Protein backbone atom coordinates (compact mmCIF):
# COMPACT_ATOMS: atom_id res chain seq x y z
CA MET A 1 198.28 128.60 104.16
CA LEU A 2 197.74 127.16 107.64
CA LYS A 3 195.25 129.91 108.46
CA SER A 4 193.12 129.05 105.47
CA LEU A 5 193.32 125.34 106.25
CA LYS A 6 192.29 126.01 109.86
CA SER A 7 189.24 127.94 108.68
CA PHE A 8 188.46 125.18 106.20
CA SER A 9 188.66 122.45 108.87
CA ILE A 10 186.47 124.31 111.36
CA SER A 11 183.69 125.06 108.93
CA SER A 12 182.23 122.94 106.17
CA VAL A 13 184.07 119.67 106.60
CA SER A 14 185.13 119.69 110.26
CA HIS A 15 182.85 116.87 111.24
CA ARG A 16 183.71 114.63 108.29
CA ARG A 17 187.44 115.22 108.67
CA SER A 18 187.20 114.58 112.42
CA ASN A 19 185.62 111.21 111.76
CA LEU A 20 188.32 110.44 109.19
CA LEU A 21 191.03 111.17 111.74
CA ARG A 22 189.40 108.91 114.32
CA ARG A 23 189.20 105.99 111.90
CA SER A 24 192.59 106.38 110.24
CA SER A 25 196.15 106.98 111.28
CA PHE A 26 197.68 110.28 110.24
CA ASN A 27 199.95 108.37 107.84
CA ASN A 28 196.92 107.19 105.86
CA ILE A 29 195.44 110.66 105.22
CA SER A 30 195.11 111.52 101.54
CA PRO A 31 198.16 113.29 100.00
CA ILE A 32 195.84 116.12 98.95
CA ILE A 33 195.86 117.49 102.50
CA ILE A 34 199.47 116.64 103.36
CA PRO A 35 201.62 118.14 104.75
CA ALA A 36 199.98 121.36 105.97
CA TYR A 37 196.62 119.96 107.05
CA LYS A 38 198.25 116.87 108.53
CA ASN A 39 200.50 119.00 110.72
CA PHE A 40 197.63 121.22 111.82
CA ALA A 41 195.32 118.27 112.57
CA GLU A 42 198.02 116.45 114.47
CA LYS A 43 198.72 119.56 116.53
CA GLN A 44 195.02 119.95 117.37
CA TYR A 45 194.64 116.27 118.17
CA LYS A 46 197.57 116.38 120.62
CA GLU A 47 196.37 119.50 122.44
CA THR A 48 198.03 119.55 125.85
CA SER A 49 196.25 118.90 129.14
CA GLN A 50 197.63 122.16 130.50
CA ARG A 51 195.96 124.25 127.80
CA ARG A 52 192.67 122.43 128.29
CA LEU A 53 192.69 122.95 132.04
CA GLN A 54 193.64 126.62 131.74
CA TYR A 55 190.75 127.17 129.34
CA PHE A 56 188.33 125.53 131.73
CA LEU A 57 189.63 127.56 134.65
CA LYS A 58 188.78 130.67 132.65
CA MET A 59 185.32 129.54 131.52
CA SER A 60 183.98 127.33 134.33
CA ASP A 61 183.28 128.04 137.97
CA SER A 62 185.96 128.82 140.53
CA GLY A 63 186.52 126.57 143.51
CA ASN A 64 186.74 123.37 141.46
CA ALA A 65 190.38 122.60 142.33
CA GLY A 66 191.31 123.17 138.70
CA ILE A 67 188.97 120.39 137.51
CA PRO A 68 186.70 121.17 134.53
CA ILE A 69 183.17 121.03 135.91
CA PHE A 70 180.33 123.47 135.32
CA HIS A 71 177.98 124.42 138.16
CA SER A 72 175.66 126.62 136.11
CA VAL A 73 174.54 126.95 132.51
CA GLU A 74 176.05 130.41 131.93
CA PRO A 75 179.72 129.36 131.62
CA ILE A 76 178.70 126.48 129.35
CA LEU A 77 177.00 128.89 126.96
CA LYS A 78 180.03 131.18 127.13
CA VAL A 79 182.24 128.33 125.93
CA PHE A 80 180.09 127.70 122.88
CA ASN A 81 179.82 131.42 122.08
CA GLU A 82 183.57 132.03 122.19
CA ASP A 83 184.90 133.29 118.83
CA GLU A 84 187.06 130.19 118.43
CA ASN A 85 184.10 127.85 119.05
CA LYS A 86 180.89 129.41 117.75
CA ASN A 87 181.52 128.46 114.11
CA VAL A 88 182.62 124.90 114.83
CA TYR A 89 180.42 122.33 113.13
CA GLY A 90 177.49 121.35 115.38
CA VAL A 91 177.66 124.26 117.82
CA LYS A 92 174.89 126.35 116.25
CA GLN A 93 172.62 123.32 115.97
CA LEU A 94 173.24 122.38 119.60
CA LEU A 95 172.48 125.91 120.81
CA ASP A 96 169.33 126.02 118.67
CA ILE A 97 168.11 122.81 120.34
CA TYR A 98 168.85 124.24 123.78
CA ASN A 99 167.05 127.51 123.02
CA SER A 100 164.06 125.64 121.60
CA ALA A 101 163.79 123.48 124.75
CA LEU A 102 164.14 126.60 126.92
CA ASP A 103 161.41 128.39 124.98
CA LEU A 104 158.97 125.47 125.37
CA TYR A 105 159.69 125.27 129.09
CA GLN A 106 159.24 129.01 129.63
CA ARG A 107 155.93 128.99 127.76
CA SER A 108 154.62 126.15 129.91
CA GLN A 109 155.78 128.01 133.02
CA ALA A 110 153.81 131.04 131.91
CA LEU A 111 150.70 128.86 131.89
CA GLY A 112 151.32 127.93 135.51
CA GLU A 113 152.03 124.25 134.83
CA MET A 114 153.98 122.59 137.65
CA LYS A 115 155.94 119.37 138.25
CA LYS A 116 153.65 116.75 139.80
CA TYR A 117 155.59 113.49 139.51
CA PRO A 118 159.03 112.31 140.63
CA LEU A 119 162.27 112.24 138.66
CA ILE A 120 164.29 109.08 139.34
CA VAL A 121 167.90 108.86 138.12
CA LEU A 122 170.01 105.72 137.79
CA GLU A 123 173.78 106.14 137.88
CA GLY A 124 176.74 103.77 137.78
CA LEU A 125 179.80 102.64 135.88
CA ASP A 126 179.47 101.43 132.30
CA GLY A 127 178.25 97.84 132.51
CA SER A 128 176.52 98.26 135.87
CA GLY A 129 173.14 97.54 134.31
CA LYS A 130 171.64 101.00 134.68
CA THR A 131 170.39 101.27 131.08
CA SER A 132 168.49 97.97 131.23
CA MET A 133 167.21 98.81 134.69
CA THR A 134 166.08 102.25 133.54
CA LYS A 135 163.98 100.66 130.80
CA CYS A 136 162.40 98.02 133.03
CA LEU A 137 161.86 100.27 136.04
CA ALA A 138 160.17 102.87 133.84
CA ARG A 139 157.83 100.20 132.49
CA LYS A 140 156.98 98.93 135.98
CA LEU A 141 156.30 102.45 137.25
CA LYS A 142 154.37 103.47 134.12
CA ALA A 143 156.94 106.22 133.68
CA GLN A 144 158.79 107.75 130.75
CA LYS A 145 162.40 106.68 130.32
CA TRP A 146 164.96 109.37 129.48
CA ARG A 147 168.72 109.63 129.24
CA THR A 148 171.60 112.05 129.01
CA PRO A 149 172.68 113.15 126.55
CA PRO A 150 169.00 113.25 125.49
CA GLU A 151 167.75 111.86 122.20
CA SER A 152 167.32 115.39 120.83
CA ILE A 153 171.11 115.85 120.65
CA SER A 154 172.28 112.24 120.31
CA HIS A 155 173.19 112.81 116.65
CA LEU A 156 175.81 115.33 117.84
CA ARG A 157 177.32 113.03 120.45
CA ASN A 158 180.50 112.23 118.49
CA VAL A 159 180.93 115.63 116.82
CA PHE A 160 183.09 117.10 119.59
CA ASP A 161 185.15 114.00 120.43
CA ASP A 162 188.41 115.57 119.24
CA ASN A 163 187.94 118.80 121.21
CA ALA A 164 188.22 118.27 124.97
CA VAL A 165 186.73 121.67 125.81
CA LEU A 166 183.65 121.30 123.61
CA ARG A 167 183.18 117.64 124.51
CA THR A 168 182.79 118.42 128.21
CA ALA A 169 180.63 121.46 127.45
CA PHE A 170 178.43 119.28 125.22
CA TYR A 171 177.73 116.73 127.95
CA SER A 172 177.19 119.52 130.47
CA LEU A 173 174.69 121.36 128.28
CA GLY A 174 173.03 118.01 127.57
CA ASN A 175 172.10 117.84 131.25
CA TYR A 176 170.32 121.18 131.01
CA ILE A 177 168.52 120.24 127.79
CA ALA A 178 167.35 116.97 129.35
CA ALA A 179 166.15 118.86 132.43
CA LEU A 180 164.10 121.27 130.33
CA GLU A 181 162.58 118.38 128.39
CA VAL A 182 161.65 116.20 131.36
CA GLN A 183 160.12 119.07 133.32
CA LEU A 184 157.38 119.15 130.69
CA ILE A 185 156.81 115.41 131.13
CA LEU A 186 156.84 115.51 134.95
CA ARG A 187 153.57 117.42 134.91
CA ASN A 188 151.81 114.31 133.61
CA GLU A 189 153.90 111.27 134.56
CA PRO A 190 157.11 110.22 136.34
CA VAL A 191 160.47 109.93 134.57
CA VAL A 192 163.28 107.42 135.05
CA MET A 193 166.54 108.79 133.65
CA ASP A 194 169.71 106.97 132.64
CA ARG A 195 172.54 109.23 133.93
CA PHE A 196 172.43 112.90 134.87
CA TRP A 197 174.78 115.55 136.29
CA HIS A 198 176.34 113.18 138.84
CA SER A 199 177.80 111.11 136.00
CA THR A 200 179.19 114.12 134.15
CA ALA A 201 180.87 115.35 137.33
CA ALA A 202 182.13 111.99 138.61
CA TYR A 203 183.83 111.06 135.36
CA ALA A 204 185.30 114.55 134.86
CA ILE A 205 186.82 114.53 138.34
CA ALA A 206 188.30 111.05 137.95
CA GLN A 207 189.61 111.84 134.46
CA ALA A 208 191.39 115.00 135.63
CA VAL A 209 193.09 113.09 138.45
CA GLN A 210 194.01 110.30 136.03
CA ASP A 211 195.50 112.70 133.47
CA GLU A 212 197.64 114.69 135.93
CA PRO A 213 198.07 112.67 139.14
CA ASN A 214 201.02 114.75 140.31
CA LYS A 215 199.01 117.95 140.09
CA TYR A 216 195.44 116.95 140.99
CA LYS A 217 194.13 114.79 143.81
CA MET A 218 190.61 113.64 144.56
CA PRO A 219 188.84 116.54 146.31
CA PRO A 220 187.72 115.51 149.83
CA LYS A 221 184.13 114.77 150.73
CA GLY A 222 182.24 118.01 151.33
CA HIS A 223 184.21 119.92 148.68
CA GLU A 224 182.20 122.42 146.65
CA ILE A 225 182.95 120.50 143.46
CA TYR A 226 180.47 117.77 144.47
CA ARG A 227 177.54 120.18 144.96
CA TRP A 228 174.61 119.94 142.55
CA PRO A 229 174.17 123.07 140.36
CA ASN A 230 171.62 125.52 141.76
CA ASP A 231 170.05 126.19 138.35
CA LEU A 232 169.61 122.53 137.33
CA LEU A 233 166.51 120.44 138.06
CA LYS A 234 167.22 118.13 141.01
CA PRO A 235 166.13 114.49 140.92
CA ASP A 236 163.83 113.26 143.66
CA ILE A 237 166.27 110.38 144.05
CA SER A 238 169.57 109.49 142.41
CA ILE A 239 170.44 105.79 142.68
CA LEU A 240 173.97 104.44 142.24
CA LEU A 241 174.00 100.85 140.98
CA GLU A 242 177.17 99.27 142.34
CA VAL A 243 178.40 95.91 141.02
CA SER A 244 181.55 93.82 141.30
CA GLU A 245 184.18 94.30 138.62
CA ALA A 246 183.68 90.72 137.40
CA ALA A 247 179.95 91.30 136.93
CA ARG A 248 180.55 94.65 135.27
CA LEU A 249 183.02 93.19 132.77
CA GLU A 250 180.73 90.27 131.97
CA ARG A 251 177.80 92.59 131.26
CA HIS A 252 179.93 95.05 129.35
CA SER A 253 181.30 92.28 127.10
CA ARG A 254 177.85 91.96 125.52
CA ARG A 255 178.15 95.44 124.02
CA GLU A 256 179.26 96.09 120.46
CA THR A 257 180.83 99.51 121.06
CA TYR A 258 183.76 100.62 123.19
CA THR A 259 185.20 104.01 124.09
CA PRO A 260 188.63 105.01 125.44
CA GLN A 261 186.99 105.82 128.78
CA GLU A 262 185.46 102.35 128.95
CA ASP A 263 188.89 100.85 128.25
CA LEU A 264 190.29 102.97 131.07
CA LEU A 265 187.64 101.67 133.47
CA LYS A 266 188.81 98.16 132.64
CA SER A 267 192.54 98.79 132.86
CA SER A 268 192.78 101.18 135.82
CA GLU A 269 191.44 100.24 139.24
CA ASP A 270 192.37 103.71 140.51
CA PHE A 271 190.20 105.34 137.85
CA ARG A 272 187.24 103.06 138.67
CA GLN A 273 187.53 103.71 142.38
CA ASN A 274 187.84 107.46 141.85
CA VAL A 275 184.67 107.54 139.74
CA LEU A 276 182.79 105.57 142.39
CA GLN A 277 184.16 107.72 145.21
CA ALA A 278 183.16 110.88 143.36
CA TYR A 279 179.62 109.51 143.00
CA LYS A 280 179.46 108.82 146.73
CA ASN A 281 180.80 112.28 147.61
CA MET A 282 178.00 114.07 145.76
CA TYR A 283 175.58 116.11 147.83
CA ASN A 284 172.43 118.22 147.58
CA PRO A 285 171.35 115.67 146.44
CA GLY A 286 173.58 112.71 147.19
CA VAL A 287 173.21 109.20 145.82
CA THR A 288 171.43 106.16 147.25
CA THR A 289 173.57 103.06 146.68
CA VAL A 290 171.92 99.83 145.55
CA ASN A 291 173.74 96.50 145.23
CA GLY A 292 173.38 95.41 141.61
CA ASN A 293 175.17 92.06 141.98
CA TYR A 294 171.96 90.12 142.50
CA SER A 295 169.80 88.73 139.71
CA PHE A 296 168.09 91.19 137.41
CA GLY A 297 164.71 90.47 138.99
CA SER A 298 165.98 90.86 142.55
CA THR A 299 167.73 94.13 141.76
CA LEU A 300 164.63 95.46 140.02
CA PHE A 301 162.50 94.51 143.03
CA HIS A 302 164.94 96.35 145.32
CA LEU A 303 164.83 99.44 143.12
CA LYS A 304 161.03 99.46 143.23
CA SER A 305 161.09 99.30 147.03
CA VAL A 306 163.61 102.18 147.19
CA VAL A 307 161.47 104.50 145.05
CA LYS A 308 158.10 103.41 146.48
CA PRO A 309 157.93 106.26 149.06
CA LEU A 310 158.00 108.77 146.19
CA PHE A 311 154.58 107.55 145.07
CA GLU A 312 152.86 107.46 148.45
């Protein structure tokens, strides 16, 4: 009975049922799927941190202090092609998008087309102003604005929310898809990107330390975990917008959506500081810190002066 229900949940209605579980308590699930499906769903939803970390240790790179971060695309693809994952709703579509982007990039490479313009990345905590700055800076520089996860997979963004393994793999593969897409654009114009690999890594490191503080500590500066992946397009500059917590909360209050991670940023100073420290520990490339506490116009002017050498 449970086996058939597991197969049922992973295939045709996984996504719809996942959304139902996020919006409702288990006690409000229709009697049609109680008790067997309820018990299975509850078990999946409460998957232990230990199992998640052990899975990542098997599938991701070594040397990460037990923290789930990918430093190449191969282990990400292995995660999605595992027997237990490859038939999950959204996986095939995500891999098709990746393969399509890879095919377009390889064809352009065969024609000898090369990157001619800079890639500028804006990073920072939620509410730091990076999204608004990305839009305005791109307009001032006559550049394309981009983001991660890219628009091509944004419709799948919430599909893997209830699966910690696939959620991290999704954001990681999103970096590679975005890189393939922008490399085509960089032959004709510059790109300003809202978030990239530094964000994926910084939040993953801080989250692991937050989840199991007795087992995991912040890796020291210079640790291999902070190194940019060798097979991922490097930005010409990665800028960290740093703002006071009061300014961040005020800006963030204008948003209509919230996530558990955003709530954690608000409630835990340790988590916030660990994310910021992880950003600052990144290398090859590292981040250039810009004070975002000034007025929008002043901060934008500062950003333009920071990236100006890339256009000389």
